[in-house]
Amino acid sequence: MPDVRLASPQGKWILLTTVLGSSMAMLDSTVVNVALPRIGQDLDASLAALQWTVNAYMVTLAGLILLGGSLGDRYGRRKIFVLGVVWFAAASLLCGLAPTSGILIAARALQGIGGALLTPGSLALIQASFHPDDRSRAVGLWSGFGGIGAAVGPFLGGWLVTGPGWRWVFLLNVPVALLCAPIALRHVPESADQRDHGRFDVLGAALGALSLALLTYALIEARGGSLAVALTGAAGLAAAVAFVHVERHRPDPMLPPDIFASRQFTAVNLVTLCVYAAFGGFFFLTALQLQVVAGYSPLAAGTALLPTTALMLLFSSGSGALADRTGPRLPLTVGPLLCAVAMLLMLRVGKGADYLTDVLPALLVMGAGMVTLVAPLTATVLASVDTARAGLASGINNAAARAAGLVAVAALPLLAGMGPEAYRSPTAFDAAFDRAMPICAGVLVLGSALAFALVRRPAPGCRRPECRTHGNVTAPPLEADRAG
């Protein structure tokens, strides 16, 4: 049984290590959006290259995050976590030094692999290291500090882009990793799941990531309408079919199909796909809209986004407690509708938009909607499966959210009619943004309708989330299997 106490020096070192590691990946998923216009200018990149700058990271992270957790359980959680930190830092260094958009995109894909190794490992280390009496408080501190990191991410990104330059958005990860890895090796005990003797589903992970990559490419390049795009899209669908076939027939699948026998689990993941597709498109385009059209500096644009994550950080815990009393159906119905209203309010944000009257109201409503739905969504995922599979269920839900976001970043500019150079023209980008926001709102309304029709109150005595404070806008909280 793990026996490290939170008040001990070792306990504090473990908490610091896991916060540093998870913050690298969490910050990177939020700060890059703010840097995109400057990246495009410096590297002479098209809109498609900017989409890939976001999506190359998300493809490998979403496709491999379940495998990353399994590797830690088998070979040692500390070992895989440290490997992820070092890998992430090396890829970040390559991002920061990238001379072309192509190299930056390749480095971002490598970054996603590092993120898939360290993201599940950070929470698993807490679960496996701390005494059961301290574990809940340690998880609360970890998620709280992580939420603070997510909240300041856009501000930090804007400050770096405005000051030292966009490359420091990536280079900043290197000194953090140089601090994190030695602390982990010195102070964090190694742990593994001795019961885990199944074969790794490497083929399933590869097919999943390949399918996401091919479909993303087809969506981003679909403006050209070439035969190559059609063939790539068909290959992506074929890879998806092959992934489902492999998962159905493997003895130890990465994504066991029978978990979807729970109607509640299937329903809440459908809601997740709708909600996080809209969020992914919203935050990608809003960071550009504020700079390209409204004329904000990167620092101002990053600061402008603070209210949404700040509201989540302050009130997500209370929202989860309220949902425990009312059941998940109401918040999962109302929350997406509030976010849909926020996206329609963003139509007021155009050239010379005033922050207090045009931008802030939309972001406050957006934050209120996210506060309302994110904690109940996580609780419903955990409650919809057996307690022994709660960690797996959370991992699947987290990966689904990230996959939905990357598909939205690929598809939304196409649906909104954005040309390859749209972000260089305030007029063209504003017109496309005004078409994109109602699309996002419509997807959220669909998610709300699905929640109202399909989500039910979970049975009493089911597992409750341990991560009650949350500020990440790219995916719901990730819960680990309970150790000991």
Protein backbone atom coordinates (compact mmCIF):
# COMPACT_ATOMS: atom_id res chain seq x y z
CA MET A 1 0.00 0.00 0.00
CA PRO A 2 1.38 3.49 -0.83
CA ASP A 3 2.41 5.30 2.33
CA VAL A 4 3.81 8.74 1.43
CA ARG A 5 2.12 11.47 3.47
CA LEU A 6 1.28 14.79 1.87
CA ALA A 7 2.83 16.82 4.71
CA SER A 8 6.19 15.06 4.41
CA PRO A 9 9.05 16.56 2.37
CA GLN A 10 8.78 13.67 -0.09
CA GLY A 11 5.05 14.27 -0.47
CA LYS A 12 5.65 17.90 -1.37
CA TRP A 13 8.32 16.94 -3.90
CA ILE A 14 5.95 14.43 -5.52
CA LEU A 15 3.20 17.03 -5.77
CA LEU A 16 5.60 19.59 -7.26
CA THR A 17 6.86 17.08 -9.83
CA THR A 18 3.43 16.06 -11.02
CA VAL A 19 2.20 19.65 -11.20
CA LEU A 20 5.23 20.69 -13.26
CA GLY A 21 4.84 17.77 -15.65
CA SER A 22 1.12 18.09 -16.24
CA SER A 23 1.36 21.88 -16.51
CA MET A 24 3.76 21.61 -19.45
CA ALA A 25 1.24 19.65 -21.49
CA MET A 26 -1.76 21.65 -20.30
CA LEU A 27 -0.15 25.03 -20.97
CA ASP A 28 0.97 23.93 -24.40
CA SER A 29 -2.57 23.03 -25.42
CA THR A 30 -3.83 26.55 -24.61
CA VAL A 31 -1.01 29.01 -25.29
CA VAL A 32 -0.25 28.00 -28.87
CA ASN A 33 -3.54 29.40 -30.21
CA VAL A 34 -2.52 32.90 -29.12
CA ALA A 35 0.81 32.58 -30.96
CA LEU A 36 -0.65 31.44 -34.29
CA PRO A 37 -0.81 34.81 -36.11
CA ARG A 38 2.83 35.56 -35.32
CA ILE A 39 3.88 32.04 -36.29
CA GLY A 40 2.09 32.50 -39.59
CA GLN A 41 3.81 35.82 -40.25
CA ASP A 42 7.30 34.67 -39.31
CA LEU A 43 7.19 31.36 -41.17
CA ASP A 44 5.02 32.60 -44.06
CA ALA A 45 2.52 29.85 -43.25
CA SER A 46 -0.91 29.32 -44.76
CA LEU A 47 -4.06 28.82 -42.70
CA ALA A 48 -3.72 25.07 -43.30
CA ALA A 49 -0.23 25.15 -41.74
CA LEU A 50 -1.65 26.93 -38.68
CA GLN A 51 -4.38 24.30 -38.42
CA TRP A 52 -1.71 21.59 -38.52
CA THR A 53 0.32 23.43 -35.89
CA VAL A 54 -2.57 22.79 -33.52
CA ASN A 55 -3.71 19.43 -34.87
CA ALA A 56 -0.40 17.60 -35.29
CA TYR A 57 -0.05 17.74 -31.50
CA MET A 58 -3.65 16.69 -30.93
CA VAL A 59 -3.50 13.74 -33.37
CA THR A 60 -0.69 11.96 -31.55
CA LEU A 61 -1.90 12.96 -28.09
CA ALA A 62 -5.48 11.77 -28.65
CA GLY A 63 -4.38 8.64 -30.49
CA LEU A 64 -1.78 7.48 -27.98
CA ILE A 65 -2.94 8.72 -24.56
CA LEU A 66 -4.59 5.41 -23.62
CA LEU A 67 -1.47 3.51 -24.64
CA GLY A 68 0.66 5.92 -22.61
CA GLY A 69 -1.28 5.08 -19.46
CA SER A 70 -0.89 1.34 -20.10
CA LEU A 71 2.86 1.68 -20.60
CA GLY A 72 3.17 3.35 -17.21
CA ASP A 73 1.17 0.61 -15.50
CA ARG A 74 3.39 -2.07 -17.03
CA TYR A 75 6.91 -0.65 -17.04
CA GLY A 76 6.72 1.81 -14.16
CA ARG A 77 4.76 5.02 -13.84
CA ARG A 78 7.75 7.13 -12.86
CA LYS A 79 9.88 5.75 -15.69
CA ILE A 80 7.27 6.49 -18.37
CA PHE A 81 6.45 9.87 -16.84
CA VAL A 82 10.10 10.95 -16.91
CA LEU A 83 10.45 9.62 -20.45
CA GLY A 84 7.42 11.71 -21.42
CA VAL A 85 8.84 14.84 -19.78
CA VAL A 86 12.21 14.46 -21.54
CA TRP A 87 10.55 13.61 -24.87
CA PHE A 88 8.18 16.58 -24.57
CA ALA A 89 11.06 18.94 -23.78
CA ALA A 90 13.17 17.70 -26.70
CA ALA A 91 10.24 18.12 -29.09
CA SER A 92 9.55 21.58 -27.61
CA LEU A 93 13.15 22.57 -28.30
CA LEU A 94 12.71 21.44 -31.90
CA CYS A 95 9.49 23.48 -32.12
CA GLY A 96 11.24 26.56 -30.81
CA LEU A 97 14.09 26.24 -33.30
CA ALA A 98 11.95 25.23 -36.30
CA PRO A 99 12.98 27.22 -39.40
CA THR A 100 9.90 26.24 -41.43
CA SER A 101 6.25 25.45 -40.81
CA GLY A 102 6.81 21.85 -41.97
CA ILE A 103 9.44 21.21 -39.31
CA LEU A 104 7.27 22.91 -36.70
CA ILE A 105 4.35 20.64 -37.57
CA ALA A 106 6.52 17.51 -37.36
CA ALA A 107 7.91 18.66 -34.01
CA ARG A 108 4.38 19.27 -32.73
CA ALA A 109 3.48 15.68 -33.60
CA LEU A 110 6.49 14.52 -31.56
CA GLN A 111 5.35 16.78 -28.74
CA GLY A 112 2.01 15.00 -28.70
CA ILE A 113 3.75 11.66 -28.18
CA GLY A 114 5.52 13.09 -25.14
CA GLY A 115 2.21 14.50 -23.89
CA ALA A 116 0.58 11.07 -24.24
CA LEU A 117 3.30 9.59 -22.02
CA LEU A 118 3.33 12.22 -19.28
CA THR A 119 -0.32 13.33 -19.07
CA PRO A 120 -1.82 10.11 -17.64
CA GLY A 121 1.35 9.47 -15.65
CA SER A 122 1.18 12.63 -13.58
CA LEU A 123 -2.10 11.72 -11.89
CA ALA A 124 -1.24 8.01 -11.73
CA LEU A 125 1.91 8.86 -9.73
CA ILE A 126 -0.22 10.65 -7.13
CA GLN A 127 -2.66 7.76 -6.93
CA ALA A 128 0.17 5.24 -6.55
CA SER A 129 2.37 7.21 -4.11
CA PHE A 130 0.21 8.82 -1.44
CA HIS A 131 -1.33 7.20 1.59
CA PRO A 132 -5.08 6.62 1.07
CA ASP A 133 -5.89 9.16 3.79
CA ASP A 134 -4.02 11.89 1.89
CA ARG A 135 -4.75 10.85 -1.67
CA SER A 136 -7.93 12.84 -2.17
CA ARG A 137 -6.35 16.06 -0.86
CA ALA A 138 -3.25 15.50 -3.01
CA VAL A 139 -5.41 15.04 -6.12
CA GLY A 140 -7.32 18.19 -5.20
CA LEU A 141 -4.11 20.21 -4.90
CA TRP A 142 -2.80 18.74 -8.16
CA SER A 143 -5.96 19.59 -10.07
CA GLY A 144 -6.16 23.03 -8.45
CA PHE A 145 -2.61 24.01 -9.37
CA GLY A 146 -3.17 22.55 -12.83
CA GLY A 147 -6.27 24.69 -13.16
CA ILE A 148 -4.27 27.77 -12.28
CA GLY A 149 -1.77 26.83 -14.98
CA ALA A 150 -4.55 26.46 -17.53
CA ALA A 151 -6.05 29.81 -16.51
CA VAL A 152 -2.81 31.76 -16.92
CA GLY A 153 -1.79 29.89 -20.06
CA PRO A 154 -3.28 32.27 -22.66
CA PHE A 155 -1.95 35.29 -20.71
CA LEU A 156 1.52 33.76 -20.49
CA GLY A 157 1.43 32.87 -24.17
CA GLY A 158 0.42 36.40 -25.11
CA TRP A 159 3.17 37.88 -22.95
CA LEU A 160 5.81 35.63 -24.49
CA VAL A 161 4.66 36.31 -28.05
CA THR A 162 4.56 40.07 -27.46
CA GLY A 163 7.91 40.10 -25.67
CA PRO A 164 10.62 37.48 -26.32
CA GLY A 165 8.76 36.02 -29.30
CA TRP A 166 6.53 33.05 -30.14
CA ARG A 167 9.42 30.57 -30.05
CA TRP A 168 9.57 30.98 -26.27
CA VAL A 169 6.09 29.49 -26.01
CA PHE A 170 7.87 26.21 -26.75
CA LEU A 171 11.35 26.88 -25.38
CA LEU A 172 9.94 27.60 -21.91
CA ASN A 173 9.22 23.88 -21.56
CA VAL A 174 12.93 23.03 -21.59
CA PRO A 175 13.92 24.57 -18.23
CA VAL A 176 10.70 23.25 -16.67
CA ALA A 177 11.63 19.74 -17.80
CA LEU A 178 15.21 20.17 -16.53
CA LEU A 179 13.70 20.91 -13.12
CA CYS A 180 10.96 18.27 -13.23
CA ALA A 181 12.84 15.17 -14.38
CA PRO A 182 15.62 15.16 -11.72
CA ILE A 183 13.09 15.78 -8.94
CA ALA A 184 11.01 12.85 -10.17
CA LEU A 185 14.03 10.52 -10.30
CA ARG A 186 15.17 11.53 -6.82
CA HIS A 187 11.93 11.86 -4.86
CA VAL A 188 9.10 9.95 -6.58
CA PRO A 189 8.85 6.22 -5.79
CA GLU A 190 8.50 3.82 -8.70
CA SER A 191 5.24 1.90 -9.01
CA ALA A 192 3.61 -0.45 -11.47
CA ASP A 193 0.49 -2.57 -11.74
CA GLN A 194 1.65 -6.13 -11.09
CA ARG A 195 -1.66 -7.46 -12.39
CA ASP A 196 -1.08 -5.94 -15.83
CA HIS A 197 0.21 -8.82 -17.97
CA GLY A 198 -1.78 -8.35 -21.18
CA ARG A 199 -0.24 -7.50 -24.53
CA PHE A 200 -0.06 -3.87 -25.57
CA ASP A 201 -2.51 -2.83 -28.26
CA VAL A 202 0.12 -1.10 -30.37
CA LEU A 203 -1.73 -1.90 -33.59
CA GLY A 204 -4.94 -0.38 -32.27
CA ALA A 205 -3.14 2.78 -31.14
CA ALA A 206 -1.38 3.10 -34.50
CA LEU A 207 -4.61 2.62 -36.46
CA GLY A 208 -6.44 5.14 -34.29
CA ALA A 209 -3.76 7.80 -34.71
CA LEU A 210 -3.44 7.05 -38.44
CA SER A 211 -7.18 7.39 -38.96
CA LEU A 212 -7.25 10.74 -37.16
CA ALA A 213 -4.24 11.99 -39.15
CA LEU A 214 -5.63 10.98 -42.54
CA LEU A 215 -9.12 12.34 -41.90
CA THR A 216 -7.67 15.57 -40.53
CA TYR A 217 -5.51 15.97 -43.64
CA ALA A 218 -8.50 15.36 -45.90
CA LEU A 219 -10.57 17.99 -44.09
CA ILE A 220 -7.84 20.61 -44.04
CA GLU A 221 -6.92 20.13 -47.70
CA ALA A 222 -10.47 19.60 -48.96
CA ARG A 223 -10.64 23.15 -50.39
CA GLY A 224 -8.58 21.93 -53.34
CA GLY A 225 -10.95 19.05 -54.08
CA SER A 226 -8.17 16.92 -55.59
CA LEU A 227 -8.11 13.16 -56.10
CA ALA A 228 -5.36 12.88 -53.47
CA VAL A 229 -7.66 14.43 -50.87
CA ALA A 230 -10.46 12.01 -51.72
CA LEU A 231 -8.10 9.05 -51.52
CA THR A 232 -6.72 10.27 -48.20
CA GLY A 233 -10.21 10.62 -46.79
CA ALA A 234 -11.11 7.13 -47.96
CA ALA A 235 -7.91 5.76 -46.43
CA GLY A 236 -8.77 7.49 -43.14
CA LEU A 237 -12.20 5.87 -43.09
CA ALA A 238 -10.64 2.51 -43.91
CA ALA A 239 -8.18 2.93 -41.03
CA ALA A 240 -11.10 3.74 -38.72
CA VAL A 241 -12.95 0.59 -39.80
CA ALA A 242 -9.77 -1.44 -39.29
CA PHE A 243 -9.36 0.11 -35.82
CA VAL A 244 -12.87 -0.99 -34.83
CA HIS A 245 -12.23 -4.48 -36.20
CA VAL A 246 -8.95 -4.82 -34.30
CA GLU A 247 -10.49 -3.61 -31.05
CA ARG A 248 -13.37 -6.08 -31.37
CA HIS A 249 -11.11 -9.10 -31.89
CA ARG A 250 -8.06 -8.44 -29.68
CA PRO A 251 -7.97 -10.16 -26.27
CA ASP A 252 -6.59 -6.99 -24.62
CA PRO A 253 -7.91 -4.03 -26.65
CA MET A 254 -6.91 -0.45 -25.92
CA LEU A 255 -10.56 0.56 -26.28
CA PRO A 256 -12.77 -2.40 -25.27
CA PRO A 257 -15.98 -2.23 -27.35
CA ASP A 258 -18.04 -3.77 -24.57
CA ILE A 259 -17.61 -0.63 -22.47
CA PHE A 260 -20.08 1.02 -24.83
CA ALA A 261 -22.71 -1.51 -23.76
CA SER A 262 -23.50 1.07 -21.10
CA ARG A 263 -26.03 3.37 -22.77
CA GLN A 264 -25.18 6.11 -20.29
CA PHE A 265 -21.47 5.91 -21.16
CA THR A 266 -22.23 6.02 -24.89
CA ALA A 267 -24.62 8.95 -24.41
CA VAL A 268 -22.23 11.08 -22.39
CA ASN A 269 -19.45 10.47 -24.92
CA LEU A 270 -21.73 11.65 -27.71
CA VAL A 271 -22.36 14.80 -25.68
CA THR A 272 -18.60 15.12 -25.16
CA LEU A 273 -17.94 14.93 -28.91
CA CYS A 274 -20.42 17.75 -29.59
CA VAL A 275 -19.29 19.97 -26.74
CA TYR A 276 -15.54 19.70 -27.25
CA ALA A 277 -15.80 19.96 -31.02
CA ALA A 278 -17.45 23.34 -30.49
CA PHE A 279 -14.90 24.35 -27.86
CA GLY A 280 -11.97 23.37 -30.07
CA GLY A 281 -13.27 25.42 -32.97
CA PHE A 282 -14.20 28.34 -30.74
CA PHE A 283 -10.85 28.80 -29.01
CA PHE A 284 -8.87 28.25 -32.22
CA LEU A 285 -10.81 30.90 -34.14
CA THR A 286 -11.35 33.35 -31.29
CA ALA A 287 -7.63 33.76 -30.62
CA LEU A 288 -7.24 34.64 -34.31
CA GLN A 289 -10.34 36.86 -34.45
CA LEU A 290 -9.20 39.01 -31.55
CA GLN A 291 -5.83 39.65 -33.20
CA VAL A 292 -6.57 39.62 -36.93
CA VAL A 293 -9.89 41.46 -36.87
CA ALA A 294 -10.28 43.25 -33.53
CA GLY A 295 -6.65 44.41 -33.60
CA TYR A 296 -5.64 43.09 -30.19
CA SER A 297 -2.00 42.39 -29.42
CA PRO A 298 -1.11 38.77 -28.49
CA LEU A 299 -0.88 39.84 -24.84
CA ALA A 300 -4.28 41.52 -24.96
CA ALA A 301 -5.84 38.56 -26.75
CA GLY A 302 -4.41 36.11 -24.22
CA THR A 303 -5.56 38.23 -21.30
CA ALA A 304 -9.01 38.57 -22.86
CA LEU A 305 -9.54 34.81 -22.59
CA LEU A 306 -8.78 34.67 -18.85
CA PRO A 307 -12.38 35.01 -17.57
CA THR A 308 -13.52 31.70 -19.03
CA THR A 309 -10.84 29.58 -17.38
CA ALA A 310 -10.93 31.67 -14.20
CA LEU A 311 -14.65 30.93 -13.78
CA MET A 312 -14.00 27.22 -14.26
CA LEU A 313 -11.19 27.30 -11.73
CA LEU A 314 -13.31 29.09 -9.13
CA PHE A 315 -16.63 27.30 -9.51
CA SER A 316 -16.09 23.85 -11.08
CA SER A 317 -15.98 22.18 -7.66
CA GLY A 318 -19.27 23.74 -6.59
CA SER A 319 -20.84 22.81 -9.90
CA GLY A 320 -19.97 19.17 -9.33
CA ALA A 321 -21.54 19.23 -5.87
CA LEU A 322 -24.72 20.81 -7.24
CA ALA A 323 -24.95 18.19 -9.98
CA ASP A 324 -24.70 15.47 -7.34
CA ARG A 325 -27.99 16.78 -5.93
CA THR A 326 -29.84 17.54 -9.16
CA GLY A 327 -28.50 14.73 -11.33
CA PRO A 328 -26.47 15.24 -14.53
CA ARG A 329 -29.30 15.65 -17.03
CA LEU A 330 -30.11 19.27 -16.19
CA PRO A 331 -26.54 20.69 -16.18
CA LEU A 332 -25.59 18.71 -19.29
CA THR A 333 -28.62 20.17 -21.03
CA VAL A 334 -28.31 23.75 -19.82
CA GLY A 335 -24.51 24.06 -19.99
CA PRO A 336 -24.19 23.56 -23.76
CA LEU A 337 -27.07 25.97 -24.36
CA LEU A 338 -25.28 28.68 -22.38
CA CYS A 339 -22.12 28.06 -24.42
CA ALA A 340 -24.19 28.28 -27.62
CA VAL A 341 -25.49 31.69 -26.52
CA ALA A 342 -21.90 32.77 -25.86
CA MET A 343 -20.86 31.84 -29.37
CA LEU A 344 -23.70 33.85 -30.84
CA LEU A 345 -22.67 36.78 -28.65
CA MET A 346 -19.21 36.53 -30.24
CA LEU A 347 -20.79 37.78 -33.46
CA ARG A 348 -20.54 41.24 -31.85
CA VAL A 349 -16.73 40.96 -31.88
CA GLY A 350 -15.51 42.66 -35.03
CA LYS A 351 -13.14 45.42 -36.06
CA GLY A 352 -12.30 47.68 -33.10
CA ALA A 353 -14.40 45.58 -30.70
CA ASP A 354 -14.60 46.99 -27.18
CA TYR A 355 -13.54 44.45 -24.59
CA LEU A 356 -16.01 45.33 -21.83
CA THR A 357 -19.12 45.59 -24.00
CA ASP A 358 -18.39 43.17 -26.86
CA VAL A 359 -15.90 40.50 -25.77
CA LEU A 360 -16.29 40.09 -22.01
CA PRO A 361 -20.05 39.31 -21.96
CA ALA A 362 -19.56 36.42 -24.39
CA LEU A 363 -16.63 34.99 -22.44
CA LEU A 364 -18.48 35.26 -19.12
CA VAL A 365 -21.45 33.37 -20.54
CA MET A 366 -19.03 30.86 -22.05
CA GLY A 367 -17.37 30.36 -18.68
CA ALA A 368 -20.73 29.94 -16.97
CA GLY A 369 -21.71 27.28 -19.47
CA MET A 370 -18.45 25.39 -19.09
CA VAL A 371 -18.70 25.56 -15.30
CA THR A 372 -22.21 24.14 -15.54
CA LEU A 373 -21.37 21.14 -17.71
CA VAL A 374 -17.74 19.99 -17.31
CA ALA A 375 -17.81 18.60 -13.76
CA PRO A 376 -21.15 16.78 -14.24
CA LEU A 377 -19.87 15.35 -17.51
CA THR A 378 -16.85 13.81 -15.80
CA ALA A 379 -18.95 12.50 -12.92
CA THR A 380 -21.40 10.88 -15.32
CA VAL A 381 -18.61 9.17 -17.26
CA LEU A 382 -17.21 7.63 -14.07
CA ALA A 383 -20.65 6.64 -12.78
CA SER A 384 -21.69 4.93 -16.01
CA VAL A 385 -19.24 1.99 -15.75
CA ASP A 386 -18.02 -0.42 -13.09
CA THR A 387 -15.67 1.15 -10.57
CA ALA A 388 -12.82 -1.06 -11.79
CA ARG A 389 -13.08 0.51 -15.26
CA ALA A 390 -13.52 4.12 -14.18
CA GLY A 391 -9.95 5.07 -15.08
CA LEU A 392 -10.33 3.53 -18.54
CA ALA A 393 -13.67 5.28 -19.03
CA SER A 394 -12.12 8.63 -18.12
CA GLY A 395 -9.23 8.03 -20.54
CA ILE A 396 -11.62 7.21 -23.38
CA ASN A 397 -13.69 10.31 -22.65
CA ASN A 398 -10.58 12.50 -22.52
CA ALA A 399 -9.31 11.09 -25.83
CA ALA A 400 -12.75 11.56 -27.42
CA ALA A 401 -12.77 15.22 -26.40
CA ARG A 402 -9.34 15.83 -27.89
CA ALA A 403 -10.25 14.01 -31.10
CA ALA A 404 -13.42 16.09 -31.41
CA GLY A 405 -11.40 19.28 -30.98
CA LEU A 406 -8.88 18.39 -33.66
CA VAL A 407 -11.62 17.44 -36.14
CA ALA A 408 -13.30 20.78 -35.47
CA VAL A 409 -10.10 22.74 -36.05
CA ALA A 410 -9.72 20.86 -39.35
CA ALA A 411 -13.35 21.08 -40.51
CA LEU A 412 -14.64 24.42 -39.24
CA PRO A 413 -12.55 26.70 -41.52
CA LEU A 414 -13.70 24.56 -44.46
CA LEU A 415 -17.36 24.79 -43.46
CA ALA A 416 -17.05 28.53 -42.86
CA GLY A 417 -15.45 29.12 -46.27
CA MET A 418 -12.05 30.32 -45.06
CA GLY A 419 -9.46 30.54 -47.81
CA PRO A 420 -5.82 29.54 -47.30
CA GLU A 421 -4.81 33.18 -46.68
CA ALA A 422 -7.94 34.25 -44.77
CA TYR A 423 -6.08 35.08 -41.56
CA ARG A 424 -4.09 37.74 -43.44
CA SER A 425 -7.28 39.65 -44.35
CA PRO A 426 -9.37 41.10 -41.50
CA THR A 427 -12.41 41.44 -43.75
CA ALA A 428 -12.28 37.88 -45.08
CA PHE A 429 -11.55 36.36 -41.68
CA ASP A 430 -14.34 38.33 -39.97
CA ALA A 431 -16.89 37.17 -42.53
CA ALA A 432 -15.83 33.53 -42.10
CA PHE A 433 -15.82 33.86 -38.30
CA ASP A 434 -19.41 35.11 -38.44
CA ARG A 435 -20.32 31.94 -40.34
CA ALA A 436 -18.36 29.68 -38.00
CA MET A 437 -19.87 30.76 -34.68
CA PRO A 438 -23.45 29.73 -35.56
CA ILE A 439 -22.09 26.35 -36.68
CA CYS A 440 -20.44 25.89 -33.29
CA ALA A 441 -23.64 26.99 -31.56
CA GLY A 442 -25.63 24.46 -33.57
CA VAL A 443 -23.29 21.63 -32.55
CA LEU A 444 -23.74 22.65 -28.90
CA VAL A 445 -27.52 22.65 -29.26
CA LEU A 446 -27.24 19.11 -30.65
CA GLY A 447 -25.17 18.12 -27.62
CA SER A 448 -27.78 19.64 -25.32
CA ALA A 449 -30.57 17.71 -27.06
CA LEU A 450 -28.62 14.46 -26.76
CA ALA A 451 -28.09 15.05 -23.04
CA PHE A 452 -31.77 15.80 -22.47
CA ALA A 453 -32.88 12.72 -24.39
CA LEU A 454 -30.30 10.14 -23.27
CA VAL A 455 -28.61 11.04 -19.96
CA ARG A 456 -30.16 9.69 -16.76
CA ARG A 457 -29.34 9.92 -13.06
CA PRO A 458 -26.61 7.40 -12.15
CA ALA A 459 -27.11 4.68 -9.58
CA PRO A 460 -26.28 5.55 -5.95
CA GLY A 461 -22.91 4.56 -4.59
CA CYS A 462 -21.05 4.94 -7.90
CA ARG A 463 -17.58 6.38 -8.18
CA ARG A 464 -17.24 10.16 -7.87
CA PRO A 465 -14.50 12.30 -9.45
CA GLU A 466 -11.43 13.12 -7.42
CA CYS A 467 -10.39 15.99 -9.73
CA ARG A 468 -12.95 18.56 -8.65
CA THR A 469 -11.12 21.72 -9.69
CA HIS A 470 -10.57 22.12 -13.39
CA GLY A 471 -9.50 24.86 -15.78
CA ASN A 472 -8.55 23.08 -19.00
CA VAL A 473 -10.68 24.04 -22.00
CA THR A 474 -9.40 21.35 -24.39
CA ALA A 475 -10.54 18.19 -22.57
CA PRO A 476 -12.40 17.07 -19.43
CA PRO A 477 -10.41 16.04 -16.33
CA LEU A 478 -8.48 12.81 -16.55
CA GLU A 479 -9.08 10.35 -13.69
CA ALA A 480 -6.67 7.52 -12.91
CA ASP A 481 -7.40 4.05 -11.64
CA ARG A 482 -7.18 4.01 -7.87
CA ALA A 483 -4.08 2.26 -6.58
CA GLY A 484 -3.57 0.36 -3.38
